Every structure is written in C-alpha cells, then in structure tokens.
Amino acid sequence: MLDQFLKTQIHLAAGLIALWAIIGIAAGLAAAALCYWISGRCGAWRWDWKRAVWFRALTVLWLISGFGILGAWAGSAEGTLRGTERVVRDSHLRTEGLDRAGRLGAIAVALRH
C-alpha cells in the first residue's frame, strides 16, 4: 500500500500545494502590511469621530484576512499547477495511464465510425 502511494507521487503534489499556499499567505500578509502603511501615510488613521477606533480595527482585520485568503488561494492554484505537472512528468501516470487513455480513446473513435 505504501509502495503504491509513493509511486503515485501524490505526496509531492500535496507538499507543493501546501508550500505555495504558505508562500501565498506570506505574500498576502506582506501586501496587507504595505496597504496599512500606505494608508497610514495618507492620513487614514487620524480620524477624530466617535467610532473611528472600531472602524480602524475592522479595516485592519479586513486587510489581514482578505489579503491572506487571496494569497492562499493564489498560492494553492500555483501549487496545484506545479504539483500536477510533477505528477504527470515523473510518475507512472505518464508512462502507463496516459498511454492507456490514448489507446482507449483511439478504440472509442474507431468504434464510433
């Protein structure tokens, strides 16, 4: 069972997805910090009205969560692309699975006509 799992190289694809998701989260949080700093330089945090503290807190939470989620999404997409490429390039799927799929497709086309 373990031998078959290691032949499929799914663990490498999952590792790449996780790695790129973490990289995306880090990039998203860095972008959130940059937006926070730019908006602070523009005077966005010097408000004097009664509920300004709550608005600032919600804005910071939105920046952190929004950029973190978008970064994780983009990183997961990149990891999925790279993981799929590695699985197809370096596994039995390329040598056996795609060959069988091509033969079955050719048989289906031949039977159709």
PDB file of N, CA and C in Angstrom:
ATOM      1  N   MET A   1       0.826  -1.196   0.000  1.00  0.00           N
ATOM      2  CA  MET A   1       0.000   0.000   0.000  1.00  0.00           C
ATOM      3  C   MET A   1       0.870   1.260   0.000  1.00  0.00           C
ATOM      4  N   LEU A   2       1.857   1.298   0.896  1.00  0.00           N
ATOM      5  CA  LEU A   2       2.739   2.454   0.966  1.00  0.00           C
ATOM      6  C   LEU A   2       3.583   2.573  -0.299  1.00  0.00           C
ATOM      7  N   ASP A   3       4.013   1.425  -0.828  1.00  0.00           N
ATOM      8  CA  ASP A   3       4.801   1.424  -2.056  1.00  0.00           C
ATOM      9  C   ASP A   3       3.988   2.020  -3.209  1.00  0.00           C
ATOM     10  N   GLN A   4       2.724   1.646  -3.309  1.00  0.00           N
ATOM     11  CA  GLN A   4       1.855   2.177  -4.366  1.00  0.00           C
ATOM     12  C   GLN A   4       1.637   3.677  -4.186  1.00  0.00           C
ATOM     13  N   PHE A   5       1.484   4.116  -2.932  1.00  0.00           N
ATOM     14  CA  PHE A   5       1.300   5.537  -2.652  1.00  0.00           C
ATOM     15  C   PHE A   5       2.530   6.338  -3.066  1.00  0.00           C
ATOM     16  N   LEU A   6       3.719   5.806  -2.781  1.00  0.00           N
ATOM     17  CA  LEU A   6       4.939   6.514  -3.137  1.00  0.00           C
ATOM     18  C   LEU A   6       5.166   6.540  -4.644  1.00  0.00           C
ATOM     19  N   LYS A   7       4.673   5.539  -5.360  1.00  0.00           N
ATOM     20  CA  LYS A   7       4.800   5.538  -6.820  1.00  0.00           C
ATOM     21  C   LYS A   7       3.942   6.617  -7.464  1.00  0.00           C
ATOM     22  N   THR A   8       2.816   6.930  -6.866  1.00  0.00           N
ATOM     23  CA  THR A   8       1.915   7.914  -7.466  1.00  0.00           C
ATOM     24  C   THR A   8       2.429   9.336  -7.319  1.00  0.00           C
ATOM     25  N   GLN A   9       3.288   9.583  -6.355  1.00  0.00           N
ATOM     26  CA  GLN A   9       3.862  10.888  -6.087  1.00  0.00           C
ATOM     27  C   GLN A   9       2.816  11.938  -5.720  1.00  0.00           C
ATOM     28  N   ILE A  10       1.694  11.482  -5.191  1.00  0.00           N
ATOM     29  CA  ILE A  10       0.669  12.420  -4.729  1.00  0.00           C
ATOM     30  C   ILE A  10       1.185  13.223  -3.543  1.00  0.00           C
ATOM     31  N   HIS A  11       2.026  12.602  -2.720  1.00  0.00           N
ATOM     32  CA  HIS A  11       2.581  13.304  -1.566  1.00  0.00           C
ATOM     33  C   HIS A  11       3.418  14.506  -2.015  1.00  0.00           C
ATOM     34  N   LEU A  12       4.100  14.404  -3.146  1.00  0.00           N
ATOM     35  CA  LEU A  12       4.861  15.546  -3.654  1.00  0.00           C
ATOM     36  C   LEU A  12       3.943  16.665  -4.121  1.00  0.00           C
ATOM     37  N   ALA A  13       2.855  16.287  -4.784  1.00  0.00           N
ATOM     38  CA  ALA A  13       1.892  17.297  -5.242  1.00  0.00           C
ATOM     39  C   ALA A  13       1.248  17.999  -4.052  1.00  0.00           C
ATOM     40  N   ALA A  14       0.875  17.240  -3.028  1.00  0.00           N
ATOM     41  CA  ALA A  14       0.273  17.849  -1.829  1.00  0.00           C
ATOM     42  C   ALA A  14       1.266  18.754  -1.123  1.00  0.00           C
ATOM     43  N   GLY A  15       2.526  18.346  -1.092  1.00  0.00           N
ATOM     44  CA  GLY A  15       3.557  19.186  -0.488  1.00  0.00           C
ATOM     45  C   GLY A  15       3.746  20.489  -1.243  1.00  0.00           C
ATOM     46  N   LEU A  16       3.713  20.423  -2.574  1.00  0.00           N
ATOM     47  CA  LEU A  16       3.842  21.646  -3.373  1.00  0.00           C
ATOM     48  C   LEU A  16       2.646  22.576  -3.175  1.00  0.00           C
ATOM     49  N   ILE A  17       1.457  21.999  -3.074  1.00  0.00           N
ATOM     50  CA  ILE A  17       0.266  22.830  -2.829  1.00  0.00           C
ATOM     51  C   ILE A  17       0.388  23.535  -1.483  1.00  0.00           C
ATOM     52  N   ALA A  18       0.796  22.795  -0.451  1.00  0.00           N
ATOM     53  CA  ALA A  18       0.944  23.396   0.880  1.00  0.00           C
ATOM     54  C   ALA A  18       2.048  24.455   0.892  1.00  0.00           C
ATOM     55  N   LEU A  19       3.170  24.159   0.247  1.00  0.00           N
ATOM     56  CA  LEU A  19       4.273  25.120   0.206  1.00  0.00           C
ATOM     57  C   LEU A  19       3.853  26.420  -0.466  1.00  0.00           C
ATOM     58  N   TRP A  20       3.218  26.314  -1.617  1.00  0.00           N
ATOM     59  CA  TRP A  20       2.822  27.528  -2.333  1.00  0.00           C
ATOM     60  C   TRP A  20       1.682  28.260  -1.635  1.00  0.00           C
ATOM     61  N   ALA A  21       0.824  27.538  -0.908  1.00  0.00           N
ATOM     62  CA  ALA A  21      -0.217  28.213  -0.124  1.00  0.00           C
ATOM     63  C   ALA A  21       0.413  29.034   0.995  1.00  0.00           C
ATOM     64  N   ILE A  22       1.430  28.493   1.638  1.00  0.00           N
ATOM     65  CA  ILE A  22       2.126  29.231   2.703  1.00  0.00           C
ATOM     66  C   ILE A  22       2.847  30.443   2.122  1.00  0.00           C
ATOM     67  N   ILE A  23       3.481  30.270   0.971  1.00  0.00           N
ATOM     68  CA  ILE A  23       4.140  31.402   0.309  1.00  0.00           C
ATOM     69  C   ILE A  23       3.106  32.471  -0.057  1.00  0.00           C
ATOM     70  N   GLY A  24       1.943  32.040  -0.547  1.00  0.00           N
ATOM     71  CA  GLY A  24       0.884  32.987  -0.890  1.00  0.00           C
ATOM     72  C   GLY A  24       0.353  33.730   0.321  1.00  0.00           C
ATOM     73  N   ILE A  25       0.192  33.021   1.432  1.00  0.00           N
ATOM     74  CA  ILE A  25      -0.263  33.684   2.662  1.00  0.00           C
ATOM     75  C   ILE A  25       0.757  34.720   3.110  1.00  0.00           C
ATOM     76  N   ALA A  26       2.032  34.363   3.075  1.00  0.00           N
ATOM     77  CA  ALA A  26       3.080  35.311   3.477  1.00  0.00           C
ATOM     78  C   ALA A  26       3.081  36.540   2.572  1.00  0.00           C
ATOM     79  N   ALA A  27       2.944  36.314   1.263  1.00  0.00           N
ATOM     80  CA  ALA A  27       2.898  37.449   0.330  1.00  0.00           C
ATOM     81  C   ALA A  27       1.655  38.297   0.561  1.00  0.00           C
ATOM     82  N   GLY A  28       0.525  37.655   0.848  1.00  0.00           N
ATOM     83  CA  GLY A  28      -0.706  38.397   1.120  1.00  0.00           C
ATOM     84  C   GLY A  28      -0.606  39.236   2.380  1.00  0.00           C
ATOM     85  N   LEU A  29       0.003  38.676   3.414  1.00  0.00           N
ATOM     86  CA  LEU A  29       0.173  39.443   4.651  1.00  0.00           C
ATOM     87  C   LEU A  29       1.155  40.595   4.468  1.00  0.00           C
ATOM     88  N   ALA A  30       2.169  40.372   3.640  1.00  0.00           N
ATOM     89  CA  ALA A  30       3.100  41.469   3.343  1.00  0.00           C
ATOM     90  C   ALA A  30       2.382  42.571   2.572  1.00  0.00           C
ATOM     91  N   ALA A  31       1.511  42.195   1.634  1.00  0.00           N
ATOM     92  CA  ALA A  31       0.736  43.198   0.893  1.00  0.00           C
ATOM     93  C   ALA A  31      -0.231  43.937   1.818  1.00  0.00           C
ATOM     94  N   ALA A  32      -0.818  43.231   2.783  1.00  0.00           N
ATOM     95  CA  ALA A  32      -1.709  43.878   3.748  1.00  0.00           C
ATOM     96  C   ALA A  32      -0.946  44.885   4.596  1.00  0.00           C
ATOM     97  N   ALA A  33       0.253  44.522   5.046  1.00  0.00           N
ATOM     98  CA  ALA A  33       1.064  45.449   5.834  1.00  0.00           C
ATOM     99  C   ALA A  33       1.450  46.672   5.006  1.00  0.00           C
ATOM    100  N   LEU A  34       1.750  46.455   3.734  1.00  0.00           N
ATOM    101  CA  LEU A  34       2.079  47.570   2.850  1.00  0.00           C
ATOM    102  C   LEU A  34       0.879  48.498   2.664  1.00  0.00           C
ATOM    103  N   CYS A  35      -0.303  47.931   2.460  1.00  0.00           N
ATOM    104  CA  CYS A  35      -1.512  48.767   2.332  1.00  0.00           C
ATOM    105  C   CYS A  35      -1.801  49.525   3.621  1.00  0.00           C
ATOM    106  N   TYR A  36      -1.598  48.875   4.761  1.00  0.00           N
ATOM    107  CA  TYR A  36      -1.798  49.536   6.051  1.00  0.00           C
ATOM    108  C   TYR A  36      -0.830  50.707   6.199  1.00  0.00           C
ATOM    109  N   TRP A  37       0.421  50.496   5.840  1.00  0.00           N
ATOM    110  CA  TRP A  37       1.420  51.552   5.955  1.00  0.00           C
ATOM    111  C   TRP A  37       1.122  52.708   5.003  1.00  0.00           C
ATOM    112  N   ILE A  38       0.746  52.398   3.753  1.00  0.00           N
ATOM    113  CA  ILE A  38       0.439  53.455   2.774  1.00  0.00           C
ATOM    114  C   ILE A  38      -0.770  54.258   3.215  1.00  0.00           C
ATOM    115  N   SER A  39      -1.805  53.576   3.685  1.00  0.00           N
ATOM    116  CA  SER A  39      -2.993  54.303   4.122  1.00  0.00           C
ATOM    117  C   SER A  39      -2.698  55.141   5.369  1.00  0.00           C
ATOM    118  N   GLY A  40      -1.816  54.679   6.229  1.00  0.00           N
ATOM    119  CA  GLY A  40      -1.411  55.473   7.391  1.00  0.00           C
ATOM    120  C   GLY A  40      -0.637  56.719   6.981  1.00  0.00           C
ATOM    121  N   ARG A  41       0.216  56.584   5.971  1.00  0.00           N
ATOM    122  CA  ARG A  41       0.958  57.734   5.462  1.00  0.00           C
ATOM    123  C   ARG A  41       0.039  58.754   4.802  1.00  0.00           C
ATOM    124  N   CYS A  42      -1.089  58.279   4.276  1.00  0.00           N
ATOM    125  CA  CYS A  42      -2.058  59.188   3.633  1.00  0.00           C
ATOM    126  C   CYS A  42      -3.015  59.812   4.639  1.00  0.00           C
ATOM    127  N   GLY A  43      -2.918  59.442   5.905  1.00  0.00           N
ATOM    128  CA  GLY A  43      -3.741  60.055   6.940  1.00  0.00           C
ATOM    129  C   GLY A  43      -5.018  59.309   7.257  1.00  0.00           C
ATOM    130  N   ALA A  44      -5.120  58.064   6.873  1.00  0.00           N
ATOM    131  CA  ALA A  44      -6.355  57.313   7.087  1.00  0.00           C
ATOM    132  C   ALA A  44      -6.597  56.961   8.550  1.00  0.00           C
ATOM    133  N   TRP A  45      -5.597  57.001   9.400  1.00  0.00           N
ATOM    134  CA  TRP A  45      -5.765  56.586  10.791  1.00  0.00           C
ATOM    135  C   TRP A  45      -5.838  57.767  11.762  1.00  0.00           C
ATOM    136  N   ARG A  46      -5.973  58.983  11.270  1.00  0.00           N
ATOM    137  CA  ARG A  46      -6.040  60.156  12.145  1.00  0.00           C
ATOM    138  C   ARG A  46      -7.465  60.704  12.278  1.00  0.00           C
ATOM    139  N   TRP A  47      -8.439  59.847  12.266  1.00  0.00           N
ATOM    140  CA  TRP A  47      -9.822  60.287  12.368  1.00  0.00           C
ATOM    141  C   TRP A  47     -10.174  60.619  13.809  1.00  0.00           C
ATOM    142  N   ASP A  48     -11.101  61.576  13.978  1.00  0.00           N
ATOM    143  CA  ASP A  48     -11.473  62.014  15.318  1.00  0.00           C
ATOM    144  C   ASP A  48     -12.900  61.647  15.712  1.00  0.00           C
ATOM    145  N   TRP A  49     -13.640  61.010  14.850  1.00  0.00           N
ATOM    146  CA  TRP A  49     -15.033  60.736  15.188  1.00  0.00           C
ATOM    147  C   TRP A  49     -15.160  59.587  16.173  1.00  0.00           C
ATOM    148  N   LYS A  50     -16.357  59.450  16.749  1.00  0.00           N
ATOM    149  CA  LYS A  50     -16.599  58.609  17.907  1.00  0.00           C
ATOM    150  C   LYS A  50     -16.269  57.122  17.670  1.00  0.00           C
ATOM    151  N   ARG A  51     -16.640  56.585  16.531  1.00  0.00           N
ATOM    152  CA  ARG A  51     -16.467  55.156  16.253  1.00  0.00           C
ATOM    153  C   ARG A  51     -15.233  54.861  15.378  1.00  0.00           C
ATOM    154  N   ALA A  52     -14.330  55.782  15.290  1.00  0.00           N
ATOM    155  CA  ALA A  52     -13.159  55.610  14.419  1.00  0.00           C
ATOM    156  C   ALA A  52     -12.279  54.441  14.863  1.00  0.00           C
ATOM    157  N   VAL A  53     -12.200  54.172  16.152  1.00  0.00           N
ATOM    158  CA  VAL A  53     -11.369  53.071  16.645  1.00  0.00           C
ATOM    159  C   VAL A  53     -11.887  51.738  16.123  1.00  0.00           C
ATOM    160  N   TRP A  54     -13.224  51.563  16.167  1.00  0.00           N
ATOM    161  CA  TRP A  54     -13.808  50.316  15.675  1.00  0.00           C
ATOM    162  C   TRP A  54     -13.641  50.197  14.169  1.00  0.00           C
ATOM    163  N   PHE A  55     -13.791  51.282  13.475  1.00  0.00           N
ATOM    164  CA  PHE A  55     -13.617  51.258  12.028  1.00  0.00           C
ATOM    165  C   PHE A  55     -12.179  50.907  11.649  1.00  0.00           C
ATOM    166  N   ARG A  56     -11.226  51.453  12.359  1.00  0.00           N
ATOM    167  CA  ARG A  56      -9.815  51.123  12.109  1.00  0.00           C
ATOM    168  C   ARG A  56      -9.545  49.649  12.393  1.00  0.00           C
ATOM    169  N   ALA A  57     -10.091  49.141  13.490  1.00  0.00           N
ATOM    170  CA  ALA A  57      -9.886  47.731  13.840  1.00  0.00           C
ATOM    171  C   ALA A  57     -10.486  46.810  12.775  1.00  0.00           C
ATOM    172  N   LEU A  58     -11.701  47.129  12.307  1.00  0.00           N
ATOM    173  CA  LEU A  58     -12.330  46.326  11.260  1.00  0.00           C
ATOM    174  C   LEU A  58     -11.560  46.414   9.944  1.00  0.00           C
ATOM    175  N   THR A  59     -11.036  47.574   9.653  1.00  0.00           N
ATOM    176  CA  THR A  59     -10.251  47.737   8.435  1.00  0.00           C
ATOM    177  C   THR A  59      -8.974  46.909   8.491  1.00  0.00           C
ATOM    178  N   VAL A  60      -8.299  46.913   9.618  1.00  0.00           N
ATOM    179  CA  VAL A  60      -7.080  46.113   9.761  1.00  0.00           C
ATOM    180  C   VAL A  60      -7.411  44.623   9.653  1.00  0.00           C
ATOM    181  N   LEU A  61      -8.484  44.186  10.303  1.00  0.00           N
ATOM    182  CA  LEU A  61      -8.886  42.777  10.196  1.00  0.00           C
ATOM    183  C   LEU A  61      -9.232  42.406   8.758  1.00  0.00           C
ATOM    184  N   TRP A  62      -9.916  43.310   8.054  1.00  0.00           N
ATOM    185  CA  TRP A  62     -10.255  43.046   6.661  1.00  0.00           C
ATOM    186  C   TRP A  62      -9.004  42.950   5.810  1.00  0.00           C
ATOM    187  N   LEU A  63      -8.051  43.831   6.027  1.00  0.00           N
ATOM    188  CA  LEU A  63      -6.802  43.782   5.260  1.00  0.00           C
ATOM    189  C   LEU A  63      -6.072  42.465   5.493  1.00  0.00           C
ATOM    190  N   ILE A  64      -5.937  42.084   6.744  1.00  0.00           N
ATOM    191  CA  ILE A  64      -5.200  40.854   7.057  1.00  0.00           C
ATOM    192  C   ILE A  64      -5.915  39.632   6.510  1.00  0.00           C
ATOM    193  N   SER A  65      -7.209  39.517   6.758  1.00  0.00           N
ATOM    194  CA  SER A  65      -7.933  38.329   6.303  1.00  0.00           C
ATOM    195  C   SER A  65      -8.089  38.311   4.794  1.00  0.00           C
ATOM    196  N   GLY A  66      -8.427  39.447   4.200  1.00  0.00           N
ATOM    197  CA  GLY A  66      -8.630  39.483   2.753  1.00  0.00           C
ATOM    198  C   GLY A  66      -7.374  39.166   1.975  1.00  0.00           C
ATOM    199  N   PHE A  67      -6.290  39.830   2.316  1.00  0.00           N
ATOM    200  CA  PHE A  67      -5.040  39.573   1.611  1.00  0.00           C
ATOM    201  C   PHE A  67      -4.504  38.177   1.921  1.00  0.00           C
ATOM    202  N   GLY A  68      -4.683  37.707   3.138  1.00  0.00           N
ATOM    203  CA  GLY A  68      -4.244  36.353   3.479  1.00  0.00           C
ATOM    204  C   GLY A  68      -5.005  35.291   2.707  1.00  0.00           C
ATOM    205  N   ILE A  69      -6.322  35.456   2.599  1.00  0.00           N
ATOM    206  CA  ILE A  69      -7.139  34.492   1.856  1.00  0.00           C
ATOM    207  C   ILE A  69      -6.816  34.542   0.368  1.00  0.00           C
ATOM    208  N   LEU A  70      -6.701  35.730  -0.194  1.00  0.00           N
ATOM    209  CA  LEU A  70      -6.347  35.833  -1.610  1.00  0.00           C
ATOM    210  C   LEU A  70      -4.957  35.261  -1.888  1.00  0.00           C
ATOM    211  N   GLY A  71      -4.018  35.507  -0.996  1.00  0.00           N
ATOM    212  CA  GLY A  71      -2.689  34.934  -1.160  1.00  0.00           C
ATOM    213  C   GLY A  71      -2.695  33.421  -1.076  1.00  0.00           C
ATOM    214  N   ALA A  72      -3.460  32.877  -0.131  1.00  0.00           N
ATOM    215  CA  ALA A  72      -3.567  31.420  -0.017  1.00  0.00           C
ATOM    216  C   ALA A  72      -4.209  30.822  -1.255  1.00  0.00           C
ATOM    217  N   TRP A  73      -5.222  31.484  -1.786  1.00  0.00           N
ATOM    218  CA  TRP A  73      -5.890  30.995  -2.990  1.00  0.00           C
ATOM    219  C   TRP A  73      -4.932  30.992  -4.182  1.00  0.00           C
ATOM    220  N   ALA A  74      -4.229  32.087  -4.376  1.00  0.00           N
ATOM    221  CA  ALA A  74      -3.284  32.164  -5.490  1.00  0.00           C
ATOM    222  C   ALA A  74      -2.148  31.164  -5.308  1.00  0.00           C
ATOM    223  N   GLY A  75      -1.644  31.017  -4.088  1.00  0.00           N
ATOM    224  CA  GLY A  75      -0.585  30.050  -3.828  1.00  0.00           C
ATOM    225  C   GLY A  75      -1.047  28.620  -4.029  1.00  0.00           C
ATOM    226  N   SER A  76      -2.273  28.311  -3.630  1.00  0.00           N
ATOM    227  CA  SER A  76      -2.809  26.969  -3.850  1.00  0.00           C
ATOM    228  C   SER A  76      -2.958  26.674  -5.333  1.00  0.00           C
ATOM    229  N   ALA A  77      -3.385  27.670  -6.096  1.00  0.00           N
ATOM    230  CA  ALA A  77      -3.507  27.477  -7.550  1.00  0.00           C
ATOM    231  C   ALA A  77      -2.137  27.203  -8.169  1.00  0.00           C
ATOM    232  N   GLU A  78      -1.138  27.961  -7.762  1.00  0.00           N
ATOM    233  CA  GLU A  78       0.225  27.741  -8.283  1.00  0.00           C
ATOM    234  C   GLU A  78       0.756  26.372  -7.861  1.00  0.00           C
ATOM    235  N   GLY A  79       0.521  25.991  -6.616  1.00  0.00           N
ATOM    236  CA  GLY A  79       0.958  24.680  -6.141  1.00  0.00           C
ATOM    237  C   GLY A  79       0.253  23.539  -6.858  1.00  0.00           C
ATOM    238  N   THR A  80      -1.037  23.712  -7.140  1.00  0.00           N
ATOM    239  CA  THR A  80      -1.770  22.699  -7.880  1.00  0.00           C
ATOM    240  C   THR A  80      -1.209  22.542  -9.282  1.00  0.00           C
ATOM    241  N   LEU A  81      -0.915  23.650  -9.925  1.00  0.00           N
ATOM    242  CA  LEU A  81      -0.337  23.599 -11.264  1.00  0.00           C
ATOM    243  C   LEU A  81       1.023  22.900 -11.246  1.00  0.00           C
ATOM    244  N   ARG A  82       1.889  23.293 -10.346  1.00  0.00           N
ATOM    245  CA  ARG A  82       3.228  22.687 -10.281  1.00  0.00           C
ATOM    246  C   ARG A  82       3.165  21.228  -9.823  1.00  0.00           C
ATOM    247  N   GLY A  83       2.275  20.921  -8.886  1.00  0.00           N
ATOM    248  CA  GLY A  83       2.136  19.540  -8.424  1.00  0.00           C
ATOM    249  C   GLY A  83       1.610  18.624  -9.509  1.00  0.00           C
ATOM    250  N   THR A  84       0.622  19.100 -10.249  1.00  0.00           N
ATOM    251  CA  THR A  84       0.077  18.303 -11.346  1.00  0.00           C
ATOM    252  C   THR A  84       1.128  18.075 -12.424  1.00  0.00           C
ATOM    253  N   GLU A  85       1.891  19.109 -12.717  1.00  0.00           N
ATOM    254  CA  GLU A  85       2.958  18.968 -13.707  1.00  0.00           C
ATOM    255  C   GLU A  85       3.979  17.923 -13.254  1.00  0.00           C
ATOM    256  N   ARG A  86       4.343  17.952 -11.977  1.00  0.00           N
ATOM    257  CA  ARG A  86       5.317  16.976 -11.480  1.00  0.00           C
ATOM    258  C   ARG A  86       4.754  15.567 -11.510  1.00  0.00           C
ATOM    259  N   VAL A  87       3.495  15.403 -11.121  1.00  0.00           N
ATOM    260  CA  VAL A  87       2.886  14.068 -11.112  1.00  0.00           C
ATOM    261  C   VAL A  87       2.824  13.511 -12.522  1.00  0.00           C
ATOM    262  N   VAL A  88       2.435  14.337 -13.471  1.00  0.00           N
ATOM    263  CA  VAL A  88       2.321  13.861 -14.848  1.00  0.00           C
ATOM    264  C   VAL A  88       3.702  13.599 -15.434  1.00  0.00           C
ATOM    265  N   ARG A  89       4.671  14.431 -15.131  1.00  0.00           N
ATOM    266  CA  ARG A  89       6.010  14.301 -15.712  1.00  0.00           C
ATOM    267  C   ARG A  89       6.799  13.147 -15.113  1.00  0.00           C
ATOM    268  N   ASP A  90       6.686  12.903 -13.823  1.00  0.00           N
ATOM    269  CA  ASP A  90       7.595  11.979 -13.135  1.00  0.00           C
ATOM    270  C   ASP A  90       6.944  10.708 -12.611  1.00  0.00           C
ATOM    271  N   SER A  91       5.778  10.337 -13.065  1.00  0.00           N
ATOM    272  CA  SER A  91       5.134   9.181 -12.446  1.00  0.00           C
ATOM    273  C   SER A  91       4.696   8.160 -13.487  1.00  0.00           C
ATOM    274  N   HIS A  92       4.100   7.098 -12.962  1.00  0.00           N
ATOM    275  CA  HIS A  92       3.560   6.061 -13.831  1.00  0.00           C
ATOM    276  C   HIS A  92       2.343   6.550 -14.603  1.00  0.00           C
ATOM    277  N   LEU A  93       1.738   7.617 -14.154  1.00  0.00           N
ATOM    278  CA  LEU A  93       0.591   8.165 -14.875  1.00  0.00           C
ATOM    279  C   LEU A  93       0.991   8.541 -16.294  1.00  0.00           C
ATOM    280  N   ARG A  94       2.173   9.092 -16.449  1.00  0.00           N
ATOM    281  CA  ARG A  94       2.626   9.494 -17.782  1.00  0.00           C
ATOM    282  C   ARG A  94       2.946   8.270 -18.624  1.00  0.00           C
ATOM    283  N   THR A  95       3.657   7.328 -18.060  1.00  0.00           N
ATOM    284  CA  THR A  95       4.118   6.202 -18.858  1.00  0.00           C
ATOM    285  C   THR A  95       3.034   5.161 -19.094  1.00  0.00           C
ATOM    286  N   GLU A  96       2.174   4.949 -18.120  1.00  0.00           N
ATOM    287  CA  GLU A  96       1.152   3.909 -18.262  1.00  0.00           C
ATOM    288  C   GLU A  96      -0.249   4.477 -18.435  1.00  0.00           C
ATOM    289  N   GLY A  97      -0.630   5.406 -17.572  1.00  0.00           N
ATOM    290  CA  GLY A  97      -2.005   5.907 -17.577  1.00  0.00           C
ATOM    291  C   GLY A  97      -2.371   6.671 -18.832  1.00  0.00           C
ATOM    292  N   LEU A  98      -1.509   7.590 -19.240  1.00  0.00           N
ATOM    293  CA  LEU A  98      -1.825   8.370 -20.438  1.00  0.00           C
ATOM    294  C   LEU A  98      -1.750   7.517 -21.695  1.00  0.00           C
ATOM    295  N   ASP A  99      -0.865   6.521 -21.696  1.00  0.00           N
ATOM    296  CA  ASP A  99      -0.782   5.607 -22.827  1.00  0.00           C
ATOM    297  C   ASP A  99      -2.075   4.795 -22.958  1.00  0.00           C
ATOM    298  N   ARG A 100      -2.562   4.277 -21.834  1.00  0.00           N
ATOM    299  CA  ARG A 100      -3.830   3.533 -21.854  1.00  0.00           C
ATOM    300  C   ARG A 100      -4.997   4.427 -22.256  1.00  0.00           C
ATOM    301  N   ALA A 101      -5.015   5.637 -21.746  1.00  0.00           N
ATOM    302  CA  ALA A 101      -6.104   6.555 -22.097  1.00  0.00           C
ATOM    303  C   ALA A 101      -6.081   6.863 -23.593  1.00  0.00           C
ATOM    304  N   GLY A 102      -4.898   7.034 -24.153  1.00  0.00           N
ATOM    305  CA  GLY A 102      -4.797   7.282 -25.590  1.00  0.00           C
ATOM    306  C   GLY A 102      -5.271   6.101 -26.403  1.00  0.00           C
ATOM    307  N   ARG A 103      -4.905   4.877 -25.999  1.00  0.00           N
ATOM    308  CA  ARG A 103      -5.360   3.687 -26.730  1.00  0.00           C
ATOM    309  C   ARG A 103      -6.873   3.520 -26.621  1.00  0.00           C
ATOM    310  N   LEU A 104      -7.422   3.749 -25.422  1.00  0.00           N
ATOM    311  CA  LEU A 104      -8.869   3.641 -25.255  1.00  0.00           C
ATOM    312  C   LEU A 104      -9.605   4.701 -26.067  1.00  0.00           C
ATOM    313  N   GLY A 105      -9.036   5.910 -26.122  1.00  0.00           N
ATOM    314  CA  GLY A 105      -9.643   6.949 -26.940  1.00  0.00           C
ATOM    315  C   GLY A 105      -9.625   6.593 -28.416  1.00  0.00           C
ATOM    316  N   ALA A 106      -8.512   5.994 -28.867  1.00  0.00           N
ATOM    317  CA  ALA A 106      -8.426   5.585 -30.274  1.00  0.00           C
ATOM    318  C   ALA A 106      -9.424   4.486 -30.585  1.00  0.00           C
ATOM    319  N   ILE A 107      -9.594   3.549 -29.650  1.00  0.00           N
ATOM    320  CA  ILE A 107     -10.579   2.477 -29.846  1.00  0.00           C
ATOM    321  C   ILE A 107     -11.987   3.058 -29.880  1.00  0.00           C
ATOM    322  N   ALA A 108     -12.285   4.015 -29.001  1.00  0.00           N
ATOM    323  CA  ALA A 108     -13.613   4.622 -28.973  1.00  0.00           C
ATOM    324  C   ALA A 108     -13.911   5.367 -30.276  1.00  0.00           C
ATOM    325  N   VAL A 109     -12.902   6.068 -30.790  1.00  0.00           N
ATOM    326  CA  VAL A 109     -13.105   6.768 -32.055  1.00  0.00           C
ATOM    327  C   VAL A 109     -13.301   5.775 -33.198  1.00  0.00           C
ATOM    328  N   ALA A 110     -12.540   4.668 -33.173  1.00  0.00           N
ATOM    329  CA  ALA A 110     -12.683   3.661 -34.226  1.00  0.00           C
ATOM    330  C   ALA A 110     -14.054   2.987 -34.155  1.00  0.00           C
ATOM    331  N   LEU A 111     -14.543   2.718 -32.944  1.00  0.00           N
ATOM    332  CA  LEU A 111     -15.859   2.102 -32.814  1.00  0.00           C
ATOM    333  C   LEU A 111     -16.987   3.059 -33.183  1.00  0.00           C
ATOM    334  N   ARG A 112     -16.766   4.308 -33.009  1.00  0.00           N
ATOM    335  CA  ARG A 112     -17.789   5.330 -33.327  1.00  0.00           C
ATOM    336  C   ARG A 112     -18.051   5.374 -34.824  1.00  0.00           C
ATOM    337  N   HIS A 113     -17.034   5.122 -35.612  1.00  0.00           N
ATOM    338  CA  HIS A 113     -17.201   5.183 -37.070  1.00  0.00           C
ATOM    339  C   HIS A 113     -17.399   3.828 -37.570  1.00  0.00           C
TER     340      HIS A 113
END
